[in-house]
Amino acid sequence: MFDFSDDAEQHLLCIKLTGFWSMETFERYRLEFQDRVRQIHARAGLCKIFIDTSEFPIQSSDVAAGFRDLVDGQQHRKNMLVAIVLPGSLAKLQAERAVGAPHVRFFFGEPVEALDWLRAQPLG
C-alpha cells in the first residue's frame, strides 16, 4: 500500500503508493508521512519528497480529500519540494485537484526525470 525510504544526504524522502486505499490506510499513511517529514525538517530544514504513484489507481473522493487536507497542512513549509510520478492524465487531474500546490511538480512515465529534478534543486 505504501513504502517509505529516505536518503539523508540528499534530504530526500521517497514514497511508493500502490493499490486502492480505505480511509484507515490513508490515516496510517498520514501519520507516517507527517512523522517522516518532521524528522527530515528537524535534521536538514529542507525536505525533498519523491512520490511514485505509477501503481496507485484513482482513489475514492474521501481518500482524495484526505490527501488535499494533508497537503494543505504542509503548504506553510517554505522548504519543501515534491515530485509526483503519475501513471496517466486522468490520475493527473485527480492529483492536481487533491494536491496542486506551488511546491509540487507532476511527472509522467519513468521516475528518473522526477528524481533528477529533485536532486538538482538547491539545498538552501
PDB file of N, CA and C in Angstrom:
ATOM      1  N   MET A   1       0.799  -1.180   0.000  1.00  0.00           N
ATOM      2  CA  MET A   1       0.000   0.000   0.000  1.00  0.00           C
ATOM      3  C   MET A   1       0.858   1.267   0.000  1.00  0.00           C
ATOM      4  N   PHE A   2       1.877   1.345   0.902  1.00  0.00           N
ATOM      5  CA  PHE A   2       2.828   2.458   0.862  1.00  0.00           C
ATOM      6  C   PHE A   2       4.135   2.007   1.482  1.00  0.00           C
ATOM      7  N   ASP A   3       5.207   2.593   0.946  1.00  0.00           N
ATOM      8  CA  ASP A   3       6.546   2.253   1.411  1.00  0.00           C
ATOM      9  C   ASP A   3       7.374   3.533   1.433  1.00  0.00           C
ATOM     10  N   PHE A   4       8.067   3.759   2.535  1.00  0.00           N
ATOM     11  CA  PHE A   4       8.906   4.938   2.708  1.00  0.00           C
ATOM     12  C   PHE A   4      10.372   4.534   2.756  1.00  0.00           C
ATOM     13  N   SER A   5      11.216   5.355   2.168  1.00  0.00           N
ATOM     14  CA  SER A   5      12.665   5.231   2.342  1.00  0.00           C
ATOM     15  C   SER A   5      13.220   6.650   2.252  1.00  0.00           C
ATOM     16  N   ASP A   6      14.390   6.852   2.841  1.00  0.00           N
ATOM     17  CA  ASP A   6      14.953   8.189   2.703  1.00  0.00           C
ATOM     18  C   ASP A   6      16.447   8.157   2.465  1.00  0.00           C
ATOM     19  N   ASP A   7      16.895   9.232   1.842  1.00  0.00           N
ATOM     20  CA  ASP A   7      18.298   9.454   1.542  1.00  0.00           C
ATOM     21  C   ASP A   7      18.701  10.685   2.351  1.00  0.00           C
ATOM     22  N   ALA A   8      19.311  10.464   3.507  1.00  0.00           N
ATOM     23  CA  ALA A   8      19.639  11.558   4.424  1.00  0.00           C
ATOM     24  C   ALA A   8      20.584  12.569   3.788  1.00  0.00           C
ATOM     25  N   GLU A   9      21.522  12.104   2.980  1.00  0.00           N
ATOM     26  CA  GLU A   9      22.486  13.004   2.350  1.00  0.00           C
ATOM     27  C   GLU A   9      21.806  13.985   1.396  1.00  0.00           C
ATOM     28  N   GLN A  10      20.796  13.530   0.674  1.00  0.00           N
ATOM     29  CA  GLN A  10      20.068  14.375  -0.275  1.00  0.00           C
ATOM     30  C   GLN A  10      18.843  15.040   0.349  1.00  0.00           C
ATOM     31  N   HIS A  11      18.560  14.754   1.624  1.00  0.00           N
ATOM     32  CA  HIS A  11      17.345  15.252   2.287  1.00  0.00           C
ATOM     33  C   HIS A  11      16.116  14.843   1.484  1.00  0.00           C
ATOM     34  N   LEU A  12      16.128  13.605   0.999  1.00  0.00           N
ATOM     35  CA  LEU A  12      15.127  13.106   0.070  1.00  0.00           C
ATOM     36  C   LEU A  12      14.319  11.979   0.702  1.00  0.00           C
ATOM     37  N   LEU A  13      13.013  12.166   0.729  1.00  0.00           N
ATOM     38  CA  LEU A  13      12.082  11.146   1.197  1.00  0.00           C
ATOM     39  C   LEU A  13      11.426  10.533  -0.027  1.00  0.00           C
ATOM     40  N   CYS A  14      11.555   9.217  -0.186  1.00  0.00           N
ATOM     41  CA  CYS A  14      10.962   8.507  -1.323  1.00  0.00           C
ATOM     42  C   CYS A  14       9.770   7.690  -0.832  1.00  0.00           C
ATOM     43  N   ILE A  15       8.666   7.803  -1.569  1.00  0.00           N
ATOM     44  CA  ILE A  15       7.428   7.130  -1.185  1.00  0.00           C
ATOM     45  C   ILE A  15       6.870   6.413  -2.402  1.00  0.00           C
ATOM     46  N   LYS A  16       6.457   5.171  -2.224  1.00  0.00           N
ATOM     47  CA  LYS A  16       5.808   4.380  -3.270  1.00  0.00           C
ATOM     48  C   LYS A  16       4.395   4.082  -2.785  1.00  0.00           C
ATOM     49  N   LEU A  17       3.381   4.497  -3.573  1.00  0.00           N
ATOM     50  CA  LEU A  17       1.983   4.256  -3.238  1.00  0.00           C
ATOM     51  C   LEU A  17       1.409   3.236  -4.221  1.00  0.00           C
ATOM     52  N   THR A  18       0.679   2.255  -3.698  1.00  0.00           N
ATOM     53  CA  THR A  18       0.065   1.245  -4.557  1.00  0.00           C
ATOM     54  C   THR A  18      -1.324   0.893  -4.039  1.00  0.00           C
ATOM     55  N   GLY A  19      -2.143   0.360  -4.928  1.00  0.00           N
ATOM     56  CA  GLY A  19      -3.440  -0.181  -4.550  1.00  0.00           C
ATOM     57  C   GLY A  19      -4.518   0.857  -4.295  1.00  0.00           C
ATOM     58  N   PHE A  20      -5.707   0.350  -4.043  1.00  0.00           N
ATOM     59  CA  PHE A  20      -6.859   1.192  -3.734  1.00  0.00           C
ATOM     60  C   PHE A  20      -6.982   1.259  -2.219  1.00  0.00           C
ATOM     61  N   TRP A  21      -7.056   2.465  -1.659  1.00  0.00           N
ATOM     62  CA  TRP A  21      -6.973   2.659  -0.217  1.00  0.00           C
ATOM     63  C   TRP A  21      -8.322   2.875   0.441  1.00  0.00           C
ATOM     64  N   SER A  22      -8.404   2.396   1.669  1.00  0.00           N
ATOM     65  CA  SER A  22      -9.501   2.754   2.573  1.00  0.00           C
ATOM     66  C   SER A  22      -9.047   3.992   3.351  1.00  0.00           C
ATOM     67  N   MET A  23      -9.946   4.597   4.074  1.00  0.00           N
ATOM     68  CA  MET A  23      -9.564   5.736   4.923  1.00  0.00           C
ATOM     69  C   MET A  23      -8.635   5.286   6.044  1.00  0.00           C
ATOM     70  N   GLU A  24      -8.775   4.044   6.490  1.00  0.00           N
ATOM     71  CA  GLU A  24      -7.872   3.528   7.523  1.00  0.00           C
ATOM     72  C   GLU A  24      -6.432   3.478   6.992  1.00  0.00           C
ATOM     73  N   THR A  25      -6.274   3.034   5.749  1.00  0.00           N
ATOM     74  CA  THR A  25      -4.941   3.014   5.147  1.00  0.00           C
ATOM     75  C   THR A  25      -4.407   4.430   5.015  1.00  0.00           C
ATOM     76  N   PHE A  26      -5.262   5.349   4.562  1.00  0.00           N
ATOM     77  CA  PHE A  26      -4.825   6.735   4.428  1.00  0.00           C
ATOM     78  C   PHE A  26      -4.372   7.296   5.780  1.00  0.00           C
ATOM     79  N   GLU A  27      -5.106   7.018   6.841  1.00  0.00           N
ATOM     80  CA  GLU A  27      -4.734   7.543   8.169  1.00  0.00           C
ATOM     81  C   GLU A  27      -3.385   7.006   8.620  1.00  0.00           C
ATOM     82  N   ARG A  28      -3.103   5.724   8.361  1.00  0.00           N
ATOM     83  CA  ARG A  28      -1.779   5.171   8.693  1.00  0.00           C
ATOM     84  C   ARG A  28      -0.693   5.888   7.886  1.00  0.00           C
ATOM     85  N   TYR A  29      -0.970   6.115   6.598  1.00  0.00           N
ATOM     86  CA  TYR A  29      -0.027   6.832   5.738  1.00  0.00           C
ATOM     87  C   TYR A  29       0.197   8.252   6.258  1.00  0.00           C
ATOM     88  N   ARG A  30      -0.890   8.963   6.561  1.00  0.00           N
ATOM     89  CA  ARG A  30      -0.797  10.354   7.021  1.00  0.00           C
ATOM     90  C   ARG A  30       0.105  10.469   8.236  1.00  0.00           C
ATOM     91  N   LEU A  31      -0.077   9.584   9.208  1.00  0.00           N
ATOM     92  CA  LEU A  31       0.741   9.630  10.421  1.00  0.00           C
ATOM     93  C   LEU A  31       2.212   9.390  10.121  1.00  0.00           C
ATOM     94  N   GLU A  32       2.496   8.383   9.296  1.00  0.00           N
ATOM     95  CA  GLU A  32       3.899   8.103   8.980  1.00  0.00           C
ATOM     96  C   GLU A  32       4.495   9.224   8.130  1.00  0.00           C
ATOM     97  N   PHE A  33       3.744   9.740   7.172  1.00  0.00           N
ATOM     98  CA  PHE A  33       4.219  10.842   6.340  1.00  0.00           C
ATOM     99  C   PHE A  33       4.594  12.047   7.207  1.00  0.00           C
ATOM    100  N   GLN A  34       3.695  12.452   8.087  1.00  0.00           N
ATOM    101  CA  GLN A  34       3.962  13.608   8.938  1.00  0.00           C
ATOM    102  C   GLN A  34       5.180  13.384   9.820  1.00  0.00           C
ATOM    103  N   ASP A  35       5.321  12.181  10.360  1.00  0.00           N
ATOM    104  CA  ASP A  35       6.478  11.872  11.199  1.00  0.00           C
ATOM    105  C   ASP A  35       7.775  11.936  10.397  1.00  0.00           C
ATOM    106  N   ARG A  36       7.782  11.349   9.200  1.00  0.00           N
ATOM    107  CA  ARG A  36       8.994  11.355   8.370  1.00  0.00           C
ATOM    108  C   ARG A  36       9.375  12.773   7.956  1.00  0.00           C
ATOM    109  N   VAL A  37       8.391  13.578   7.541  1.00  0.00           N
ATOM    110  CA  VAL A  37       8.677  14.953   7.130  1.00  0.00           C
ATOM    111  C   VAL A  37       9.213  15.757   8.309  1.00  0.00           C
ATOM    112  N   ARG A  38       8.624  15.568   9.474  1.00  0.00           N
ATOM    113  CA  ARG A  38       9.086  16.260  10.689  1.00  0.00           C
ATOM    114  C   ARG A  38      10.544  15.910  10.972  1.00  0.00           C
ATOM    115  N   GLN A  39      10.898  14.636  10.853  1.00  0.00           N
ATOM    116  CA  GLN A  39      12.275  14.197  11.099  1.00  0.00           C
ATOM    117  C   GLN A  39      13.255  14.841  10.130  1.00  0.00           C
ATOM    118  N   ILE A  40      12.898  14.881   8.846  1.00  0.00           N
ATOM    119  CA  ILE A  40      13.802  15.462   7.847  1.00  0.00           C
ATOM    120  C   ILE A  40      13.947  16.957   8.071  1.00  0.00           C
ATOM    121  N   HIS A  41      12.851  17.646   8.361  1.00  0.00           N
ATOM    122  CA  HIS A  41      12.941  19.085   8.623  1.00  0.00           C
ATOM    123  C   HIS A  41      13.797  19.369   9.856  1.00  0.00           C
ATOM    124  N   ALA A  42      13.669  18.556  10.878  1.00  0.00           N
ATOM    125  CA  ALA A  42      14.467  18.755  12.087  1.00  0.00           C
ATOM    126  C   ALA A  42      15.950  18.553  11.801  1.00  0.00           C
ATOM    127  N   ARG A  43      16.253  17.605  10.944  1.00  0.00           N
ATOM    128  CA  ARG A  43      17.634  17.266  10.622  1.00  0.00           C
ATOM    129  C   ARG A  43      18.240  18.232   9.610  1.00  0.00           C
ATOM    130  N   ALA A  44      17.448  18.655   8.617  1.00  0.00           N
ATOM    131  CA  ALA A  44      18.026  19.385   7.493  1.00  0.00           C
ATOM    132  C   ALA A  44      17.380  20.729   7.200  1.00  0.00           C
ATOM    133  N   GLY A  45      16.163  20.945   7.652  1.00  0.00           N
ATOM    134  CA  GLY A  45      15.469  22.188   7.340  1.00  0.00           C
ATOM    135  C   GLY A  45      14.854  22.208   5.954  1.00  0.00           C
ATOM    136  N   LEU A  46      15.220  21.266   5.120  1.00  0.00           N
ATOM    137  CA  LEU A  46      14.692  21.167   3.765  1.00  0.00           C
ATOM    138  C   LEU A  46      14.230  19.744   3.535  1.00  0.00           C
ATOM    139  N   CYS A  47      13.142  19.600   2.841  1.00  0.00           N
ATOM    140  CA  CYS A  47      12.639  18.264   2.566  1.00  0.00           C
ATOM    141  C   CYS A  47      12.272  18.153   1.093  1.00  0.00           C
ATOM    142  N   LYS A  48      12.884  17.210   0.416  1.00  0.00           N
ATOM    143  CA  LYS A  48      12.537  16.881  -0.960  1.00  0.00           C
ATOM    144  C   LYS A  48      11.782  15.555  -0.913  1.00  0.00           C
ATOM    145  N   ILE A  49      10.618  15.533  -1.545  1.00  0.00           N
ATOM    146  CA  ILE A  49       9.773  14.348  -1.472  1.00  0.00           C
ATOM    147  C   ILE A  49       9.500  13.831  -2.876  1.00  0.00           C
ATOM    148  N   PHE A  50       9.820  12.567  -3.095  1.00  0.00           N
ATOM    149  CA  PHE A  50       9.545  11.882  -4.356  1.00  0.00           C
ATOM    150  C   PHE A  50       8.429  10.875  -4.086  1.00  0.00           C
ATOM    151  N   ILE A  51       7.340  10.990  -4.844  1.00  0.00           N
ATOM    152  CA  ILE A  51       6.212  10.074  -4.658  1.00  0.00           C
ATOM    153  C   ILE A  51       5.931   9.374  -5.976  1.00  0.00           C
ATOM    154  N   ASP A  52       6.052   8.055  -5.978  1.00  0.00           N
ATOM    155  CA  ASP A  52       5.769   7.249  -7.163  1.00  0.00           C
ATOM    156  C   ASP A  52       4.354   6.694  -7.033  1.00  0.00           C
ATOM    157  N   THR A  53       3.448   7.195  -7.886  1.00  0.00           N
ATOM    158  CA  THR A  53       2.060   6.718  -7.870  1.00  0.00           C
ATOM    159  C   THR A  53       1.737   5.936  -9.140  1.00  0.00           C
ATOM    160  N   SER A  54       2.768   5.421  -9.798  1.00  0.00           N
ATOM    161  CA  SER A  54       2.550   4.722 -11.067  1.00  0.00           C
ATOM    162  C   SER A  54       1.691   3.469 -10.912  1.00  0.00           C
ATOM    163  N   GLU A  55       1.573   2.936  -9.695  1.00  0.00           N
ATOM    164  CA  GLU A  55       0.714   1.771  -9.434  1.00  0.00           C
ATOM    165  C   GLU A  55      -0.379   2.115  -8.427  1.00  0.00           C
ATOM    166  N   PHE A  56      -0.807   3.375  -8.445  1.00  0.00           N
ATOM    167  CA  PHE A  56      -1.786   3.889  -7.495  1.00  0.00           C
ATOM    168  C   PHE A  56      -2.994   4.367  -8.298  1.00  0.00           C
ATOM    169  N   PRO A  57      -4.058   3.572  -8.352  1.00  0.00           N
ATOM    170  CA  PRO A  57      -5.208   3.941  -9.178  1.00  0.00           C
ATOM    171  C   PRO A  57      -5.953   5.156  -8.629  1.00  0.00           C
ATOM    172  N   ILE A  58      -6.893   5.665  -9.402  1.00  0.00           N
ATOM    173  CA  ILE A  58      -7.758   6.743  -8.951  1.00  0.00           C
ATOM    174  C   ILE A  58      -8.405   6.288  -7.640  1.00  0.00           C
ATOM    175  N   GLN A  59      -8.415   7.184  -6.654  1.00  0.00           N
ATOM    176  CA  GLN A  59      -8.899   6.841  -5.312  1.00  0.00           C
ATOM    177  C   GLN A  59     -10.306   7.399  -5.068  1.00  0.00           C
ATOM    178  N   SER A  60     -10.920   6.951  -3.995  1.00  0.00           N
ATOM    179  CA  SER A  60     -12.249   7.445  -3.620  1.00  0.00           C
ATOM    180  C   SER A  60     -12.171   8.933  -3.296  1.00  0.00           C
ATOM    181  N   SER A  61     -13.303   9.596  -3.322  1.00  0.00           N
ATOM    182  CA  SER A  61     -13.319  11.030  -3.014  1.00  0.00           C
ATOM    183  C   SER A  61     -12.876  11.297  -1.576  1.00  0.00           C
ATOM    184  N   ASP A  62     -13.167  10.382  -0.655  1.00  0.00           N
ATOM    185  CA  ASP A  62     -12.729  10.557   0.737  1.00  0.00           C
ATOM    186  C   ASP A  62     -11.204  10.520   0.855  1.00  0.00           C
ATOM    187  N   VAL A  63     -10.588   9.562   0.185  1.00  0.00           N
ATOM    188  CA  VAL A  63      -9.126   9.462   0.225  1.00  0.00           C
ATOM    189  C   VAL A  63      -8.499  10.663  -0.477  1.00  0.00           C
ATOM    190  N   ALA A  64      -9.051  11.066  -1.621  1.00  0.00           N
ATOM    191  CA  ALA A  64      -8.535  12.252  -2.328  1.00  0.00           C
ATOM    192  C   ALA A  64      -8.641  13.488  -1.441  1.00  0.00           C
ATOM    193  N   ALA A  65      -9.748  13.632  -0.721  1.00  0.00           N
ATOM    194  CA  ALA A  65      -9.912  14.769   0.194  1.00  0.00           C
ATOM    195  C   ALA A  65      -8.890  14.694   1.326  1.00  0.00           C
ATOM    196  N   GLY A  66      -8.588  13.484   1.793  1.00  0.00           N
ATOM    197  CA  GLY A  66      -7.566  13.313   2.827  1.00  0.00           C
ATOM    198  C   GLY A  66      -6.204  13.800   2.353  1.00  0.00           C
ATOM    199  N   PHE A  67      -5.839  13.474   1.109  1.00  0.00           N
ATOM    200  CA  PHE A  67      -4.577  13.964   0.554  1.00  0.00           C
ATOM    201  C   PHE A  67      -4.594  15.486   0.449  1.00  0.00           C
ATOM    202  N   ARG A  68      -5.704  16.051   0.017  1.00  0.00           N
ATOM    203  CA  ARG A  68      -5.817  17.513  -0.096  1.00  0.00           C
ATOM    204  C   ARG A  68      -5.596  18.167   1.260  1.00  0.00           C
ATOM    205  N   ASP A  69      -6.231  17.627   2.302  1.00  0.00           N
ATOM    206  CA  ASP A  69      -6.061  18.177   3.651  1.00  0.00           C
ATOM    207  C   ASP A  69      -4.621  18.025   4.134  1.00  0.00           C
ATOM    208  N   LEU A  70      -4.011  16.903   3.820  1.00  0.00           N
ATOM    209  CA  LEU A  70      -2.625  16.669   4.223  1.00  0.00           C
ATOM    210  C   LEU A  70      -1.696  17.681   3.568  1.00  0.00           C
ATOM    211  N   VAL A  71      -1.864  17.911   2.281  1.00  0.00           N
ATOM    212  CA  VAL A  71      -1.021  18.874   1.572  1.00  0.00           C
ATOM    213  C   VAL A  71      -1.290  20.284   2.060  1.00  0.00           C
ATOM    214  N   ASP A  72      -2.550  20.622   2.264  1.00  0.00           N
ATOM    215  CA  ASP A  72      -2.875  21.964   2.760  1.00  0.00           C
ATOM    216  C   ASP A  72      -2.184  22.229   4.092  1.00  0.00           C
ATOM    217  N   GLY A  73      -2.055  21.217   4.911  1.00  0.00           N
ATOM    218  CA  GLY A  73      -1.381  21.357   6.196  1.00  0.00           C
ATOM    219  C   GLY A  73       0.121  21.502   6.060  1.00  0.00           C
ATOM    220  N   GLN A  74       0.676  21.114   4.917  1.00  0.00           N
ATOM    221  CA  GLN A  74       2.124  21.187   4.696  1.00  0.00           C
ATOM    222  C   GLN A  74       2.537  22.432   3.932  1.00  0.00           C
ATOM    223  N   GLN A  75       1.615  23.145   3.315  1.00  0.00           N
ATOM    224  CA  GLN A  75       1.976  24.247   2.427  1.00  0.00           C
ATOM    225  C   GLN A  75       2.707  25.375   3.134  1.00  0.00           C
ATOM    226  N   HIS A  76       2.567  25.483   4.420  1.00  0.00           N
ATOM    227  CA  HIS A  76       3.266  26.557   5.123  1.00  0.00           C
ATOM    228  C   HIS A  76       4.773  26.313   5.162  1.00  0.00           C
ATOM    229  N   ARG A  77       5.190  25.137   4.834  1.00  0.00           N
ATOM    230  CA  ARG A  77       6.621  24.818   4.859  1.00  0.00           C
ATOM    231  C   ARG A  77       7.281  25.339   3.589  1.00  0.00           C
ATOM    232  N   LYS A  78       8.078  26.371   3.753  1.00  0.00           N
ATOM    233  CA  LYS A  78       8.698  27.024   2.604  1.00  0.00           C
ATOM    234  C   LYS A  78       9.776  26.163   1.958  1.00  0.00           C
ATOM    235  N   ASN A  79      10.360  25.282   2.716  1.00  0.00           N
ATOM    236  CA  ASN A  79      11.473  24.479   2.210  1.00  0.00           C
ATOM    237  C   ASN A  79      11.062  23.050   1.924  1.00  0.00           C
ATOM    238  N   MET A  80      10.015  22.903   1.126  1.00  0.00           N
ATOM    239  CA  MET A  80       9.549  21.571   0.752  1.00  0.00           C
ATOM    240  C   MET A  80       9.322  21.543  -0.751  1.00  0.00           C
ATOM    241  N   LEU A  81       9.903  20.540  -1.400  1.00  0.00           N
ATOM    242  CA  LEU A  81       9.682  20.313  -2.820  1.00  0.00           C
ATOM    243  C   LEU A  81       9.153  18.900  -3.003  1.00  0.00           C
ATOM    244  N   VAL A  82       8.158  18.749  -3.865  1.00  0.00           N
ATOM    245  CA  VAL A  82       7.533  17.449  -4.071  1.00  0.00           C
ATOM    246  C   VAL A  82       7.479  17.148  -5.560  1.00  0.00           C
ATOM    247  N   ALA A  83       7.931  15.965  -5.947  1.00  0.00           N
ATOM    248  CA  ALA A  83       7.817  15.468  -7.318  1.00  0.00           C
ATOM    249  C   ALA A  83       6.967  14.208  -7.280  1.00  0.00           C
ATOM    250  N   ILE A  84       5.909  14.200  -8.080  1.00  0.00           N
ATOM    251  CA  ILE A  84       4.989  13.060  -8.102  1.00  0.00           C
ATOM    252  C   ILE A  84       4.987  12.443  -9.491  1.00  0.00           C
ATOM    253  N   VAL A  85       5.285  11.141  -9.564  1.00  0.00           N
ATOM    254  CA  VAL A  85       5.228  10.399 -10.825  1.00  0.00           C
ATOM    255  C   VAL A  85       3.828   9.804 -10.930  1.00  0.00           C
ATOM    256  N   LEU A  86       3.173  10.085 -12.061  1.00  0.00           N
ATOM    257  CA  LEU A  86       1.790   9.670 -12.273  1.00  0.00           C
ATOM    258  C   LEU A  86       1.695   8.672 -13.425  1.00  0.00           C
ATOM    259  N   PRO A  87       0.681   7.789 -13.378  1.00  0.00           N
ATOM    260  CA  PRO A  87       0.526   6.805 -14.447  1.00  0.00           C
ATOM    261  C   PRO A  87      -0.148   7.352 -15.704  1.00  0.00           C
ATOM    262  N   GLY A  88      -0.861   8.477 -15.621  1.00  0.00           N
ATOM    263  CA  GLY A  88      -1.552   8.992 -16.800  1.00  0.00           C
ATOM    264  C   GLY A  88      -2.289  10.282 -16.521  1.00  0.00           C
ATOM    265  N   SER A  89      -2.947  10.801 -17.545  1.00  0.00           N
ATOM    266  CA  SER A  89      -3.573  12.115 -17.445  1.00  0.00           C
ATOM    267  C   SER A  89      -4.785  12.135 -16.518  1.00  0.00           C
ATOM    268  N   LEU A  90      -5.545  11.051 -16.433  1.00  0.00           N
ATOM    269  CA  LEU A  90      -6.683  11.027 -15.513  1.00  0.00           C
ATOM    270  C   LEU A  90      -6.190  11.113 -14.063  1.00  0.00           C
ATOM    271  N   ALA A  91      -5.120  10.412 -13.773  1.00  0.00           N
ATOM    272  CA  ALA A  91      -4.531  10.490 -12.435  1.00  0.00           C
ATOM    273  C   ALA A  91      -4.016  11.897 -12.167  1.00  0.00           C
ATOM    274  N   LYS A  92      -3.503  12.561 -13.211  1.00  0.00           N
ATOM    275  CA  LYS A  92      -3.011  13.924 -13.035  1.00  0.00           C
ATOM    276  C   LYS A  92      -4.150  14.861 -12.656  1.00  0.00           C
ATOM    277  N   LEU A  93      -5.314  14.685 -13.260  1.00  0.00           N
ATOM    278  CA  LEU A  93      -6.457  15.529 -12.920  1.00  0.00           C
ATOM    279  C   LEU A  93      -6.822  15.387 -11.447  1.00  0.00           C
ATOM    280  N   GLN A  94      -6.890  14.134 -10.969  1.00  0.00           N
ATOM    281  CA  GLN A  94      -7.212  13.937  -9.554  1.00  0.00           C
ATOM    282  C   GLN A  94      -6.099  14.493  -8.671  1.00  0.00           C
ATOM    283  N   ALA A  95      -4.867  14.263  -9.050  1.00  0.00           N
ATOM    284  CA  ALA A  95      -3.736  14.737  -8.245  1.00  0.00           C
ATOM    285  C   ALA A  95      -3.710  16.260  -8.181  1.00  0.00           C
ATOM    286  N   GLU A  96      -3.949  16.921  -9.298  1.00  0.00           N
ATOM    287  CA  GLU A  96      -3.949  18.381  -9.286  1.00  0.00           C
ATOM    288  C   GLU A  96      -5.055  18.937  -8.388  1.00  0.00           C
ATOM    289  N   ARG A  97      -6.220  18.313  -8.417  1.00  0.00           N
ATOM    290  CA  ARG A  97      -7.310  18.753  -7.537  1.00  0.00           C
ATOM    291  C   ARG A  97      -6.968  18.474  -6.078  1.00  0.00           C
ATOM    292  N   ALA A  98      -6.341  17.337  -5.835  1.00  0.00           N
ATOM    293  CA  ALA A  98      -6.064  16.935  -4.450  1.00  0.00           C
ATOM    294  C   ALA A  98      -4.839  17.626  -3.873  1.00  0.00           C
ATOM    295  N   VAL A  99      -3.773  17.748  -4.657  1.00  0.00           N
ATOM    296  CA  VAL A  99      -2.513  18.243  -4.087  1.00  0.00           C
ATOM    297  C   VAL A  99      -1.856  19.331  -4.901  1.00  0.00           C
ATOM    298  N   GLY A 100      -2.567  19.968  -5.787  1.00  0.00           N
ATOM    299  CA  GLY A 100      -1.973  21.035  -6.580  1.00  0.00           C
ATOM    300  C   GLY A 100      -1.482  22.160  -5.684  1.00  0.00           C
ATOM    301  N   ALA A 101      -0.213  22.456  -5.734  1.00  0.00           N
ATOM    302  CA  ALA A 101       0.398  23.493  -4.909  1.00  0.00           C
ATOM    303  C   ALA A 101       1.682  23.944  -5.600  1.00  0.00           C
ATOM    304  N   PRO A 102       2.133  25.158  -5.311  1.00  0.00           N
ATOM    305  CA  PRO A 102       3.336  25.675  -5.993  1.00  0.00           C
ATOM    306  C   PRO A 102       4.585  24.831  -5.794  1.00  0.00           C
ATOM    307  N   HIS A 103       4.680  24.128  -4.682  1.00  0.00           N
ATOM    308  CA  HIS A 103       5.888  23.349  -4.407  1.00  0.00           C
ATOM    309  C   HIS A 103       5.796  21.912  -4.919  1.00  0.00           C
ATOM    310  N   VAL A 104       4.745  21.601  -5.695  1.00  0.00           N
ATOM    311  CA  VAL A 104       4.527  20.248  -6.215  1.00  0.00           C
ATOM    312  C   VAL A 104       4.632  20.266  -7.737  1.00  0.00           C
ATOM    313  N   ARG A 105       5.418  19.315  -8.292  1.00  0.00           N
ATOM    314  CA  ARG A 105       5.505  19.125  -9.749  1.00  0.00           C
ATOM    315  C   ARG A 105       5.112  17.706 -10.078  1.00  0.00           C
ATOM    316  N   PHE A 106       4.445  17.556 -11.230  1.00  0.00           N
ATOM    317  CA  PHE A 106       3.981  16.246 -11.685  1.00  0.00           C
ATOM    318  C   PHE A 106       4.804  15.785 -12.880  1.00  0.00           C
ATOM    319  N   PHE A 107       5.074  14.473 -12.921  1.00  0.00           N
ATOM    320  CA  PHE A 107       5.847  13.856 -13.994  1.00  0.00           C
ATOM    321  C   PHE A 107       5.126  12.601 -14.453  1.00  0.00           C
ATOM    322  N   PHE A 108       5.305  12.246 -15.730  1.00  0.00           N
ATOM    323  CA  PHE A 108       4.733  11.014 -16.275  1.00  0.00           C
ATOM    324  C   PHE A 108       5.849  10.036 -16.604  1.00  0.00           C
ATOM    325  N   GLY A 109       5.527   8.761 -16.559  1.00  0.00           N
ATOM    326  CA  GLY A 109       6.472   7.748 -17.017  1.00  0.00           C
ATOM    327  C   GLY A 109       7.496   7.362 -15.980  1.00  0.00           C
ATOM    328  N   GLU A 110       8.739   7.293 -16.429  1.00  0.00           N
ATOM    329  CA  GLU A 110       9.826   6.825 -15.584  1.00  0.00           C
ATOM    330  C   GLU A 110      10.148   7.830 -14.472  1.00  0.00           C
ATOM    331  N   PRO A 111      10.478   7.327 -13.301  1.00  0.00           N
ATOM    332  CA  PRO A 111      10.766   8.215 -12.177  1.00  0.00           C
ATOM    333  C   PRO A 111      12.088   8.974 -12.280  1.00  0.00           C
ATOM    334  N   VAL A 112      12.941   8.614 -13.221  1.00  0.00           N
ATOM    335  CA  VAL A 112      14.267   9.224 -13.318  1.00  0.00           C
ATOM    336  C   VAL A 112      14.179  10.740 -13.469  1.00  0.00           C
ATOM    337  N   GLU A 113      13.278  11.219 -14.331  1.00  0.00           N
ATOM    338  CA  GLU A 113      13.163  12.664 -14.560  1.00  0.00           C
ATOM    339  C   GLU A 113      12.777  13.390 -13.266  1.00  0.00           C
ATOM    340  N   ALA A 114      11.840  12.828 -12.521  1.00  0.00           N
ATOM    341  CA  ALA A 114      11.405  13.443 -11.261  1.00  0.00           C
ATOM    342  C   ALA A 114      12.539  13.453 -10.240  1.00  0.00           C
ATOM    343  N   LEU A 115      13.241  12.341 -10.120  1.00  0.00           N
ATOM    344  CA  LEU A 115      14.366  12.281  -9.173  1.00  0.00           C
ATOM    345  C   LEU A 115      15.485  13.232  -9.587  1.00  0.00           C
ATOM    346  N   ASP A 116      15.776  13.299 -10.874  1.00  0.00           N
ATOM    347  CA  ASP A 116      16.806  14.227 -11.351  1.00  0.00           C
ATOM    348  C   ASP A 116      16.422  15.663 -11.022  1.00  0.00           C
ATOM    349  N   TRP A 117      15.152  16.022 -11.235  1.00  0.00           N
ATOM    350  CA  TRP A 117      14.693  17.379 -10.930  1.00  0.00           C
ATOM    351  C   TRP A 117      14.872  17.676  -9.438  1.00  0.00           C
ATOM    352  N   LEU A 118      14.446  16.755  -8.579  1.00  0.00           N
ATOM    353  CA  LEU A 118      14.587  16.978  -7.137  1.00  0.00           C
ATOM    354  C   LEU A 118      16.043  17.118  -6.730  1.00  0.00           C
ATOM    355  N   ARG A 119      16.877  16.242  -7.219  1.00  0.00           N
ATOM    356  CA  ARG A 119      18.300  16.269  -6.830  1.00  0.00           C
ATOM    357  C   ARG A 119      18.991  17.531  -7.330  1.00  0.00           C
ATOM    358  N   ALA A 120      18.502  18.120  -8.412  1.00  0.00           N
ATOM    359  CA  ALA A 120      19.112  19.334  -8.953  1.00  0.00           C
ATOM    360  C   ALA A 120      18.718  20.591  -8.186  1.00  0.00           C
ATOM    361  N   GLN A 121      17.706  20.499  -7.347  1.00  0.00           N
ATOM    362  CA  GLN A 121      17.262  21.675  -6.604  1.00  0.00           C
ATOM    363  C   GLN A 121      18.245  21.973  -5.475  1.00  0.00           C
ATOM    364  N   PRO A 122      18.539  23.254  -5.256  1.00  0.00           N
ATOM    365  CA  PRO A 122      19.491  23.622  -4.205  1.00  0.00           C
ATOM    366  C   PRO A 122      18.987  23.236  -2.814  1.00  0.00           C
ATOM    367  N   LEU A 123      19.904  23.006  -1.922  1.00  0.00           N
ATOM    368  CA  LEU A 123      19.566  22.585  -0.563  1.00  0.00           C
ATOM    369  C   LEU A 123      19.280  23.748   0.377  1.00  0.00           C
ATOM    370  N   GLY A 124      19.383  24.938  -0.045  1.00  0.00           N
ATOM    371  CA  GLY A 124      19.119  26.036   0.886  1.00  0.00           C
ATOM    372  C   GLY A 124      18.825  27.327   0.235  1.00  0.00           C
TER     373      GLY A 124
END
